[in-house]
Amino acid sequence: MPCEGGVLPLDPSATAVLLDQVATWTLDDSGKTIFLKCTFANFLDAVAALNAVAQLAEAEQHHPDLHLTGYRKLRIELTTHAIGGLSENDFIVAAKINQLLAKE
């Protein structure tokens, strides 16, 4: 379910438990965002991955910030903007992104 607000962000202990389940993701210094860094063989592979993540995010109605730099480096950031921090949805989408990228 998309988070439209009205709930508190996850506390640090809940965040730590969920972060262990998406081991390729990192908690940023603010504790409000998780991110994944990927490097692809070339620009087209990176763009294909970005587009695949965009399609997944749209289907989930939970949209990450996507940053393509250095022509083949993708950084994916998840947070729940409506609550100013992390929600379970961030970790669900992170796990789905991991599954998606494992197929690429």
PDB file of N, CA and C in Angstrom:
ATOM      1  N   MET A   1       0.833  -1.188   0.000  1.00  0.00           N
ATOM      2  CA  MET A   1       0.000   0.000   0.000  1.00  0.00           C
ATOM      3  C   MET A   1       0.871   1.241   0.000  1.00  0.00           C
ATOM      4  N   PRO A   2       0.585   2.187  -0.866  1.00  0.00           N
ATOM      5  CA  PRO A   2       1.316   3.452  -0.820  1.00  0.00           C
ATOM      6  C   PRO A   2       1.092   4.144   0.519  1.00  0.00           C
ATOM      7  N   CYS A   3       2.115   4.787   1.022  1.00  0.00           N
ATOM      8  CA  CYS A   3       2.013   5.514   2.289  1.00  0.00           C
ATOM      9  C   CYS A   3       1.704   6.973   1.985  1.00  0.00           C
ATOM     10  N   GLU A   4       0.576   7.418   2.471  1.00  0.00           N
ATOM     11  CA  GLU A   4       0.157   8.800   2.253  1.00  0.00           C
ATOM     12  C   GLU A   4       0.359   9.658   3.494  1.00  0.00           C
ATOM     13  N   GLY A   5       1.075   9.140   4.465  1.00  0.00           N
ATOM     14  CA  GLY A   5       1.309   9.882   5.693  1.00  0.00           C
ATOM     15  C   GLY A   5       0.436   9.340   6.800  1.00  0.00           C
ATOM     16  N   GLY A   6       0.446  10.043   7.911  1.00  0.00           N
ATOM     17  CA  GLY A   6      -0.370   9.640   9.042  1.00  0.00           C
ATOM     18  C   GLY A   6       0.232   8.549   9.902  1.00  0.00           C
ATOM     19  N   VAL A   7       1.448   8.127   9.585  1.00  0.00           N
ATOM     20  CA  VAL A   7       2.164   7.148  10.401  1.00  0.00           C
ATOM     21  C   VAL A   7       3.550   7.707  10.699  1.00  0.00           C
ATOM     22  N   LEU A   8       4.151   7.206  11.732  1.00  0.00           N
ATOM     23  CA  LEU A   8       5.494   7.652  12.084  1.00  0.00           C
ATOM     24  C   LEU A   8       6.530   6.887  11.262  1.00  0.00           C
ATOM     25  N   PRO A   9       7.659   7.525  10.988  1.00  0.00           N
ATOM     26  CA  PRO A   9       8.757   6.794  10.345  1.00  0.00           C
ATOM     27  C   PRO A   9       9.227   5.658  11.252  1.00  0.00           C
ATOM     28  N   LEU A  10       9.855   4.666  10.644  1.00  0.00           N
ATOM     29  CA  LEU A  10      10.408   3.568  11.429  1.00  0.00           C
ATOM     30  C   LEU A  10      11.459   4.077  12.406  1.00  0.00           C
ATOM     31  N   ASP A  11      11.499   3.471  13.576  1.00  0.00           N
ATOM     32  CA  ASP A  11      12.538   3.842  14.537  1.00  0.00           C
ATOM     33  C   ASP A  11      13.842   3.117  14.161  1.00  0.00           C
ATOM     34  N   PRO A  12      14.959   3.541  14.731  1.00  0.00           N
ATOM     35  CA  PRO A  12      16.249   2.961  14.346  1.00  0.00           C
ATOM     36  C   PRO A  12      16.336   1.441  14.515  1.00  0.00           C
ATOM     37  N   SER A  13      15.716   0.892  15.547  1.00  0.00           N
ATOM     38  CA  SER A  13      15.822  -0.563  15.738  1.00  0.00           C
ATOM     39  C   SER A  13      15.027  -1.313  14.673  1.00  0.00           C
ATOM     40  N   ALA A  14      13.845  -0.839  14.315  1.00  0.00           N
ATOM     41  CA  ALA A  14      13.067  -1.471  13.247  1.00  0.00           C
ATOM     42  C   ALA A  14      13.778  -1.317  11.906  1.00  0.00           C
ATOM     43  N   THR A  15      14.380  -0.158  11.694  1.00  0.00           N
ATOM     44  CA  THR A  15      15.149   0.069  10.464  1.00  0.00           C
ATOM     45  C   THR A  15      16.295  -0.923  10.359  1.00  0.00           C
ATOM     46  N   ALA A  16      17.005  -1.152  11.442  1.00  0.00           N
ATOM     47  CA  ALA A  16      18.150  -2.067  11.437  1.00  0.00           C
ATOM     48  C   ALA A  16      17.713  -3.492  11.102  1.00  0.00           C
ATOM     49  N   VAL A  17      16.592  -3.928  11.655  1.00  0.00           N
ATOM     50  CA  VAL A  17      16.092  -5.281  11.384  1.00  0.00           C
ATOM     51  C   VAL A  17      15.755  -5.426   9.903  1.00  0.00           C
ATOM     52  N   LEU A  18      15.044  -4.450   9.359  1.00  0.00           N
ATOM     53  CA  LEU A  18      14.645  -4.524   7.949  1.00  0.00           C
ATOM     54  C   LEU A  18      15.840  -4.352   7.017  1.00  0.00           C
ATOM     55  N   LEU A  19      16.789  -3.523   7.408  1.00  0.00           N
ATOM     56  CA  LEU A  19      17.977  -3.317   6.574  1.00  0.00           C
ATOM     57  C   LEU A  19      18.772  -4.618   6.424  1.00  0.00           C
ATOM     58  N   ASP A  20      18.782  -5.436   7.464  1.00  0.00           N
ATOM     59  CA  ASP A  20      19.468  -6.733   7.377  1.00  0.00           C
ATOM     60  C   ASP A  20      18.851  -7.631   6.309  1.00  0.00           C
ATOM     61  N   GLN A  21      17.584  -7.409   5.991  1.00  0.00           N
ATOM     62  CA  GLN A  21      16.886  -8.240   5.008  1.00  0.00           C
ATOM     63  C   GLN A  21      17.131  -7.787   3.576  1.00  0.00           C
ATOM     64  N   VAL A  22      17.695  -6.597   3.405  1.00  0.00           N
ATOM     65  CA  VAL A  22      18.060  -6.082   2.071  1.00  0.00           C
ATOM     66  C   VAL A  22      19.535  -5.677   2.122  1.00  0.00           C
ATOM     67  N   ALA A  23      20.374  -6.680   2.328  1.00  0.00           N
ATOM     68  CA  ALA A  23      21.782  -6.470   2.673  1.00  0.00           C
ATOM     69  C   ALA A  23      22.559  -5.622   1.676  1.00  0.00           C
ATOM     70  N   THR A  24      22.121  -5.522   0.446  1.00  0.00           N
ATOM     71  CA  THR A  24      22.861  -4.732  -0.537  1.00  0.00           C
ATOM     72  C   THR A  24      22.584  -3.237  -0.402  1.00  0.00           C
ATOM     73  N   TRP A  25      21.638  -2.867   0.430  1.00  0.00           N
ATOM     74  CA  TRP A  25      21.258  -1.475   0.625  1.00  0.00           C
ATOM     75  C   TRP A  25      21.976  -0.892   1.835  1.00  0.00           C
ATOM     76  N   THR A  26      22.159   0.437   1.824  1.00  0.00           N
ATOM     77  CA  THR A  26      22.871   1.144   2.878  1.00  0.00           C
ATOM     78  C   THR A  26      21.984   2.247   3.431  1.00  0.00           C
ATOM     79  N   LEU A  27      22.039   2.452   4.717  1.00  0.00           N
ATOM     80  CA  LEU A  27      21.329   3.550   5.366  1.00  0.00           C
ATOM     81  C   LEU A  27      22.180   4.803   5.253  1.00  0.00           C
ATOM     82  N   ASP A  28      21.578   5.909   4.819  1.00  0.00           N
ATOM     83  CA  ASP A  28      22.361   7.142   4.717  1.00  0.00           C
ATOM     84  C   ASP A  28      22.597   7.737   6.104  1.00  0.00           C
ATOM     85  N   ASP A  29      23.412   8.767   6.162  1.00  0.00           N
ATOM     86  CA  ASP A  29      23.795   9.371   7.444  1.00  0.00           C
ATOM     87  C   ASP A  29      22.618   9.969   8.203  1.00  0.00           C
ATOM     88  N   SER A  30      21.585  10.402   7.491  1.00  0.00           N
ATOM     89  CA  SER A  30      20.425  11.001   8.159  1.00  0.00           C
ATOM     90  C   SER A  30      19.534   9.952   8.810  1.00  0.00           C
ATOM     91  N   GLY A  31      19.659   8.693   8.374  1.00  0.00           N
ATOM     92  CA  GLY A  31      18.793   7.640   8.881  1.00  0.00           C
ATOM     93  C   GLY A  31      17.403   7.663   8.274  1.00  0.00           C
ATOM     94  N   LYS A  32      17.217   8.496   7.242  1.00  0.00           N
ATOM     95  CA  LYS A  32      15.892   8.666   6.637  1.00  0.00           C
ATOM     96  C   LYS A  32      15.791   8.079   5.235  1.00  0.00           C
ATOM     97  N   THR A  33      16.892   7.581   4.707  1.00  0.00           N
ATOM     98  CA  THR A  33      16.937   7.085   3.332  1.00  0.00           C
ATOM     99  C   THR A  33      17.824   5.859   3.280  1.00  0.00           C
ATOM    100  N   ILE A  34      17.420   4.895   2.445  1.00  0.00           N
ATOM    101  CA  ILE A  34      18.310   3.787   2.114  1.00  0.00           C
ATOM    102  C   ILE A  34      18.686   3.928   0.647  1.00  0.00           C
ATOM    103  N   PHE A  35      19.888   3.443   0.305  1.00  0.00           N
ATOM    104  CA  PHE A  35      20.318   3.571  -1.079  1.00  0.00           C
ATOM    105  C   PHE A  35      21.085   2.336  -1.523  1.00  0.00           C
ATOM    106  N   LEU A  36      21.099   2.166  -2.844  1.00  0.00           N
ATOM    107  CA  LEU A  36      21.818   1.085  -3.494  1.00  0.00           C
ATOM    108  C   LEU A  36      22.630   1.688  -4.618  1.00  0.00           C
ATOM    109  N   LYS A  37      23.895   1.288  -4.713  1.00  0.00           N
ATOM    110  CA  LYS A  37      24.753   1.720  -5.815  1.00  0.00           C
ATOM    111  C   LYS A  37      25.031   0.525  -6.716  1.00  0.00           C
ATOM    112  N   CYS A  38      24.858   0.724  -8.012  1.00  0.00           N
ATOM    113  CA  CYS A  38      25.104  -0.326  -9.001  1.00  0.00           C
ATOM    114  C   CYS A  38      25.980   0.243 -10.107  1.00  0.00           C
ATOM    115  N   THR A  39      26.894  -0.572 -10.595  1.00  0.00           N
ATOM    116  CA  THR A  39      27.695  -0.209 -11.755  1.00  0.00           C
ATOM    117  C   THR A  39      27.441  -1.244 -12.833  1.00  0.00           C
ATOM    118  N   PHE A  40      27.136  -0.764 -14.028  1.00  0.00           N
ATOM    119  CA  PHE A  40      26.798  -1.637 -15.147  1.00  0.00           C
ATOM    120  C   PHE A  40      27.922  -1.641 -16.176  1.00  0.00           C
ATOM    121  N   ALA A  41      27.863  -2.580 -17.074  1.00  0.00           N
ATOM    122  CA  ALA A  41      28.911  -2.734 -18.082  1.00  0.00           C
ATOM    123  C   ALA A  41      28.986  -1.544 -19.020  1.00  0.00           C
ATOM    124  N   ASN A  42      27.824  -0.932 -19.286  1.00  0.00           N
ATOM    125  CA  ASN A  42      27.796   0.168 -20.238  1.00  0.00           C
ATOM    126  C   ASN A  42      26.546   1.027 -20.008  1.00  0.00           C
ATOM    127  N   PHE A  43      26.461   2.099 -20.761  1.00  0.00           N
ATOM    128  CA  PHE A  43      25.371   3.059 -20.624  1.00  0.00           C
ATOM    129  C   PHE A  43      24.006   2.420 -20.880  1.00  0.00           C
ATOM    130  N   LEU A  44      23.894   1.630 -21.929  1.00  0.00           N
ATOM    131  CA  LEU A  44      22.595   1.039 -22.268  1.00  0.00           C
ATOM    132  C   LEU A  44      22.109   0.072 -21.191  1.00  0.00           C
ATOM    133  N   ASP A  45      23.007  -0.675 -20.596  1.00  0.00           N
ATOM    134  CA  ASP A  45      22.620  -1.567 -19.498  1.00  0.00           C
ATOM    135  C   ASP A  45      22.148  -0.763 -18.292  1.00  0.00           C
ATOM    136  N   ALA A  46      22.820   0.330 -18.006  1.00  0.00           N
ATOM    137  CA  ALA A  46      22.431   1.183 -16.882  1.00  0.00           C
ATOM    138  C   ALA A  46      21.055   1.810 -17.123  1.00  0.00           C
ATOM    139  N   VAL A  47      20.822   2.282 -18.326  1.00  0.00           N
ATOM    140  CA  VAL A  47      19.522   2.882 -18.657  1.00  0.00           C
ATOM    141  C   VAL A  47      18.424   1.829 -18.627  1.00  0.00           C
ATOM    142  N   ALA A  48      18.718   0.629 -19.101  1.00  0.00           N
ATOM    143  CA  ALA A  48      17.725  -0.456 -19.056  1.00  0.00           C
ATOM    144  C   ALA A  48      17.347  -0.774 -17.609  1.00  0.00           C
ATOM    145  N   ALA A  49      18.332  -0.818 -16.727  1.00  0.00           N
ATOM    146  CA  ALA A  49      18.056  -1.074 -15.314  1.00  0.00           C
ATOM    147  C   ALA A  49      17.244   0.061 -14.714  1.00  0.00           C
ATOM    148  N   LEU A  50      17.617   1.295 -15.024  1.00  0.00           N
ATOM    149  CA  LEU A  50      16.873   2.454 -14.536  1.00  0.00           C
ATOM    150  C   LEU A  50      15.418   2.370 -14.983  1.00  0.00           C
ATOM    151  N   ASN A  51      15.191   2.046 -16.234  1.00  0.00           N
ATOM    152  CA  ASN A  51      13.826   1.948 -16.754  1.00  0.00           C
ATOM    153  C   ASN A  51      13.061   0.801 -16.108  1.00  0.00           C
ATOM    154  N   ALA A  52      13.727  -0.316 -15.867  1.00  0.00           N
ATOM    155  CA  ALA A  52      13.073  -1.447 -15.212  1.00  0.00           C
ATOM    156  C   ALA A  52      12.671  -1.075 -13.782  1.00  0.00           C
ATOM    157  N   VAL A  53      13.543  -0.383 -13.066  1.00  0.00           N
ATOM    158  CA  VAL A  53      13.230   0.070 -11.713  1.00  0.00           C
ATOM    159  C   VAL A  53      12.071   1.072 -11.761  1.00  0.00           C
ATOM    160  N   ALA A  54      12.062   1.945 -12.742  1.00  0.00           N
ATOM    161  CA  ALA A  54      10.971   2.926 -12.876  1.00  0.00           C
ATOM    162  C   ALA A  54       9.633   2.225 -13.086  1.00  0.00           C
ATOM    163  N   GLN A  55       9.613   1.186 -13.914  1.00  0.00           N
ATOM    164  CA  GLN A  55       8.375   0.434 -14.156  1.00  0.00           C
ATOM    165  C   GLN A  55       7.893  -0.250 -12.873  1.00  0.00           C
ATOM    166  N   LEU A  56       8.821  -0.857 -12.145  1.00  0.00           N
ATOM    167  CA  LEU A  56       8.480  -1.494 -10.880  1.00  0.00           C
ATOM    168  C   LEU A  56       7.928  -0.471  -9.889  1.00  0.00           C
ATOM    169  N   ALA A  57       8.610   0.657  -9.782  1.00  0.00           N
ATOM    170  CA  ALA A  57       8.191   1.701  -8.843  1.00  0.00           C
ATOM    171  C   ALA A  57       6.795   2.212  -9.177  1.00  0.00           C
ATOM    172  N   GLU A  58       6.518   2.372 -10.437  1.00  0.00           N
ATOM    173  CA  GLU A  58       5.194   2.848 -10.844  1.00  0.00           C
ATOM    174  C   GLU A  58       4.129   1.818 -10.470  1.00  0.00           C
ATOM    175  N   ALA A  59       4.416   0.549 -10.691  1.00  0.00           N
ATOM    176  CA  ALA A  59       3.474  -0.511 -10.336  1.00  0.00           C
ATOM    177  C   ALA A  59       3.231  -0.552  -8.826  1.00  0.00           C
ATOM    178  N   GLU A  60       4.271  -0.280  -8.055  1.00  0.00           N
ATOM    179  CA  GLU A  60       4.178  -0.291  -6.597  1.00  0.00           C
ATOM    180  C   GLU A  60       3.638   1.025  -6.026  1.00  0.00           C
ATOM    181  N   GLN A  61       3.600   2.061  -6.866  1.00  0.00           N
ATOM    182  CA  GLN A  61       3.223   3.400  -6.415  1.00  0.00           C
ATOM    183  C   GLN A  61       4.105   3.866  -5.254  1.00  0.00           C
ATOM    184  N   HIS A  62       5.396   3.554  -5.388  1.00  0.00           N
ATOM    185  CA  HIS A  62       6.397   3.983  -4.408  1.00  0.00           C
ATOM    186  C   HIS A  62       7.660   4.292  -5.198  1.00  0.00           C
ATOM    187  N   HIS A  63       7.971   5.559  -5.340  1.00  0.00           N
ATOM    188  CA  HIS A  63       8.948   6.014  -6.324  1.00  0.00           C
ATOM    189  C   HIS A  63      10.276   6.426  -5.696  1.00  0.00           C
ATOM    190  N   PRO A  64      11.351   5.750  -6.077  1.00  0.00           N
ATOM    191  CA  PRO A  64      12.679   6.127  -5.583  1.00  0.00           C
ATOM    192  C   PRO A  64      13.239   7.321  -6.354  1.00  0.00           C
ATOM    193  N   ASP A  65      14.251   7.914  -5.801  1.00  0.00           N
ATOM    194  CA  ASP A  65      15.052   8.875  -6.553  1.00  0.00           C
ATOM    195  C   ASP A  65      16.101   8.044  -7.299  1.00  0.00           C
ATOM    196  N   LEU A  66      16.241   8.305  -8.588  1.00  0.00           N
ATOM    197  CA  LEU A  66      17.164   7.557  -9.435  1.00  0.00           C
ATOM    198  C   LEU A  66      18.216   8.508  -9.979  1.00  0.00           C
ATOM    199  N   HIS A  67      19.490   8.148  -9.819  1.00  0.00           N
ATOM    200  CA  HIS A  67      20.598   8.997 -10.260  1.00  0.00           C
ATOM    201  C   HIS A  67      21.521   8.176 -11.156  1.00  0.00           C
ATOM    202  N   LEU A  68      21.612   8.560 -12.409  1.00  0.00           N
ATOM    203  CA  LEU A  68      22.533   7.915 -13.346  1.00  0.00           C
ATOM    204  C   LEU A  68      23.696   8.867 -13.569  1.00  0.00           C
ATOM    205  N   THR A  69      24.888   8.425 -13.197  1.00  0.00           N
ATOM    206  CA  THR A  69      26.077   9.269 -13.335  1.00  0.00           C
ATOM    207  C   THR A  69      27.205   8.448 -13.943  1.00  0.00           C
ATOM    208  N   GLY A  70      28.194   9.148 -14.461  1.00  0.00           N
ATOM    209  CA  GLY A  70      29.356   8.474 -15.009  1.00  0.00           C
ATOM    210  C   GLY A  70      28.985   7.474 -16.092  1.00  0.00           C
ATOM    211  N   TYR A  71      27.911   7.667 -16.754  1.00  0.00           N
ATOM    212  CA  TYR A  71      27.340   6.916 -17.868  1.00  0.00           C
ATOM    213  C   TYR A  71      26.948   5.473 -17.551  1.00  0.00           C
ATOM    214  N   ARG A  72      27.387   4.911 -16.413  1.00  0.00           N
ATOM    215  CA  ARG A  72      27.034   3.527 -16.120  1.00  0.00           C
ATOM    216  C   ARG A  72      26.848   3.243 -14.639  1.00  0.00           C
ATOM    217  N   LYS A  73      26.776   4.301 -13.832  1.00  0.00           N
ATOM    218  CA  LYS A  73      26.607   4.141 -12.392  1.00  0.00           C
ATOM    219  C   LYS A  73      25.217   4.623 -11.991  1.00  0.00           C
ATOM    220  N   LEU A  74      24.471   3.741 -11.340  1.00  0.00           N
ATOM    221  CA  LEU A  74      23.112   4.051 -10.923  1.00  0.00           C
ATOM    222  C   LEU A  74      23.048   4.020  -9.403  1.00  0.00           C
ATOM    223  N   ARG A  75      22.467   5.070  -8.841  1.00  0.00           N
ATOM    224  CA  ARG A  75      22.206   5.118  -7.400  1.00  0.00           C
ATOM    225  C   ARG A  75      20.694   5.218  -7.243  1.00  0.00           C
ATOM    226  N   ILE A  76      20.148   4.325  -6.431  1.00  0.00           N
ATOM    227  CA  ILE A  76      18.715   4.272  -6.180  1.00  0.00           C
ATOM    228  C   ILE A  76      18.504   4.621  -4.709  1.00  0.00           C
ATOM    229  N   GLU A  77      17.658   5.617  -4.447  1.00  0.00           N
ATOM    230  CA  GLU A  77      17.408   6.059  -3.076  1.00  0.00           C
ATOM    231  C   GLU A  77      15.929   5.899  -2.758  1.00  0.00           C
ATOM    232  N   LEU A  78      15.658   5.294  -1.616  1.00  0.00           N
ATOM    233  CA  LEU A  78      14.285   5.117  -1.159  1.00  0.00           C
ATOM    234  C   LEU A  78      14.066   5.794   0.178  1.00  0.00           C
ATOM    235  N   THR A  79      12.973   6.521   0.270  1.00  0.00           N
ATOM    236  CA  THR A  79      12.480   7.111   1.497  1.00  0.00           C
ATOM    237  C   THR A  79      10.991   7.329   1.295  1.00  0.00           C
ATOM    238  N   THR A  80      10.270   7.521   2.361  1.00  0.00           N
ATOM    239  CA  THR A  80       8.844   7.815   2.239  1.00  0.00           C
ATOM    240  C   THR A  80       8.667   9.303   2.509  1.00  0.00           C
ATOM    241  N   HIS A  81       8.557  10.050   1.432  1.00  0.00           N
ATOM    242  CA  HIS A  81       8.492  11.509   1.529  1.00  0.00           C
ATOM    243  C   HIS A  81       7.329  11.978   2.400  1.00  0.00           C
ATOM    244  N   ALA A  82       6.200  11.273   2.340  1.00  0.00           N
ATOM    245  CA  ALA A  82       4.999  11.698   3.063  1.00  0.00           C
ATOM    246  C   ALA A  82       5.186  11.686   4.574  1.00  0.00           C
ATOM    247  N   ILE A  83       6.162  10.894   5.074  1.00  0.00           N
ATOM    248  CA  ILE A  83       6.392  10.847   6.520  1.00  0.00           C
ATOM    249  C   ILE A  83       7.778  11.351   6.908  1.00  0.00           C
ATOM    250  N   GLY A  84       8.558  11.744   5.928  1.00  0.00           N
ATOM    251  CA  GLY A  84       9.881  12.295   6.213  1.00  0.00           C
ATOM    252  C   GLY A  84      10.858  11.276   6.763  1.00  0.00           C
ATOM    253  N   GLY A  85      10.734  10.036   6.332  1.00  0.00           N
ATOM    254  CA  GLY A  85      11.632   8.998   6.804  1.00  0.00           C
ATOM    255  C   GLY A  85      11.317   7.671   6.154  1.00  0.00           C
ATOM    256  N   LEU A  86      11.741   6.609   6.793  1.00  0.00           N
ATOM    257  CA  LEU A  86      11.583   5.277   6.225  1.00  0.00           C
ATOM    258  C   LEU A  86      10.307   4.598   6.712  1.00  0.00           C
ATOM    259  N   SER A  87       9.689   3.855   5.802  1.00  0.00           N
ATOM    260  CA  SER A  87       8.525   3.034   6.123  1.00  0.00           C
ATOM    261  C   SER A  87       8.801   1.612   5.651  1.00  0.00           C
ATOM    262  N   GLU A  88       7.941   0.689   6.011  1.00  0.00           N
ATOM    263  CA  GLU A  88       8.088  -0.684   5.539  1.00  0.00           C
ATOM    264  C   GLU A  88       8.074  -0.738   4.017  1.00  0.00           C
ATOM    265  N   ASN A  89       7.319   0.149   3.379  1.00  0.00           N
ATOM    266  CA  ASN A  89       7.256   0.170   1.918  1.00  0.00           C
ATOM    267  C   ASN A  89       8.629   0.337   1.289  1.00  0.00           C
ATOM    268  N   ASP A  90       9.483   1.127   1.901  1.00  0.00           N
ATOM    269  CA  ASP A  90      10.827   1.330   1.352  1.00  0.00           C
ATOM    270  C   ASP A  90      11.576   0.007   1.273  1.00  0.00           C
ATOM    271  N   PHE A  91      11.439  -0.816   2.282  1.00  0.00           N
ATOM    272  CA  PHE A  91      12.159  -2.076   2.326  1.00  0.00           C
ATOM    273  C   PHE A  91      11.518  -3.129   1.425  1.00  0.00           C
ATOM    274  N   ILE A  92      10.213  -3.076   1.294  1.00  0.00           N
ATOM    275  CA  ILE A  92       9.524  -3.968   0.361  1.00  0.00           C
ATOM    276  C   ILE A  92       9.971  -3.671  -1.065  1.00  0.00           C
ATOM    277  N   VAL A  93       9.983  -2.394  -1.423  1.00  0.00           N
ATOM    278  CA  VAL A  93      10.411  -2.016  -2.775  1.00  0.00           C
ATOM    279  C   VAL A  93      11.895  -2.321  -2.969  1.00  0.00           C
ATOM    280  N   ALA A  94      12.704  -2.111  -1.951  1.00  0.00           N
ATOM    281  CA  ALA A  94      14.131  -2.443  -2.053  1.00  0.00           C
ATOM    282  C   ALA A  94      14.310  -3.929  -2.359  1.00  0.00           C
ATOM    283  N   ALA A  95      13.578  -4.781  -1.668  1.00  0.00           N
ATOM    284  CA  ALA A  95      13.675  -6.223  -1.912  1.00  0.00           C
ATOM    285  C   ALA A  95      13.234  -6.561  -3.332  1.00  0.00           C
ATOM    286  N   LYS A  96      12.190  -5.912  -3.807  1.00  0.00           N
ATOM    287  CA  LYS A  96      11.713  -6.162  -5.168  1.00  0.00           C
ATOM    288  C   LYS A  96      12.727  -5.661  -6.202  1.00  0.00           C
ATOM    289  N   ILE A  97      13.380  -4.546  -5.901  1.00  0.00           N
ATOM    290  CA  ILE A  97      14.431  -4.048  -6.806  1.00  0.00           C
ATOM    291  C   ILE A  97      15.594  -5.035  -6.837  1.00  0.00           C
ATOM    292  N   ASN A  98      15.965  -5.580  -5.682  1.00  0.00           N
ATOM    293  CA  ASN A  98      17.029  -6.589  -5.653  1.00  0.00           C
ATOM    294  C   ASN A  98      16.682  -7.775  -6.546  1.00  0.00           C
ATOM    295  N   GLN A  99      15.449  -8.258  -6.444  1.00  0.00           N
ATOM    296  CA  GLN A  99      15.017  -9.376  -7.285  1.00  0.00           C
ATOM    297  C   GLN A  99      15.060  -9.004  -8.756  1.00  0.00           C
ATOM    298  N   LEU A 100      14.593  -7.811  -9.078  1.00  0.00           N
ATOM    299  CA  LEU A 100      14.583  -7.344 -10.460  1.00  0.00           C
ATOM    300  C   LEU A 100      15.999  -7.261 -11.022  1.00  0.00           C
ATOM    301  N   LEU A 101      16.909  -6.650 -10.292  1.00  0.00           N
ATOM    302  CA  LEU A 101      18.276  -6.469 -10.776  1.00  0.00           C
ATOM    303  C   LEU A 101      19.034  -7.793 -10.855  1.00  0.00           C
ATOM    304  N   ALA A 102      18.649  -8.757 -10.043  1.00  0.00           N
ATOM    305  CA  ALA A 102      19.301 -10.080 -10.095  1.00  0.00           C
ATOM    306  C   ALA A 102      18.984 -10.770 -11.415  1.00  0.00           C
ATOM    307  N   LYS A 103      17.857 -10.423 -12.032  1.00  0.00           N
ATOM    308  CA  LYS A 103      17.454 -11.000 -13.315  1.00  0.00           C
ATOM    309  C   LYS A 103      18.130 -10.315 -14.490  1.00  0.00           C
ATOM    310  N   GLU A 104      18.594  -9.075 -14.284  1.00  0.00           N
ATOM    311  CA  GLU A 104      19.175  -8.274 -15.368  1.00  0.00           C
ATOM    312  C   GLU A 104      20.513  -8.839 -15.809  1.00  0.00           C
TER     313      GLU A 104
END
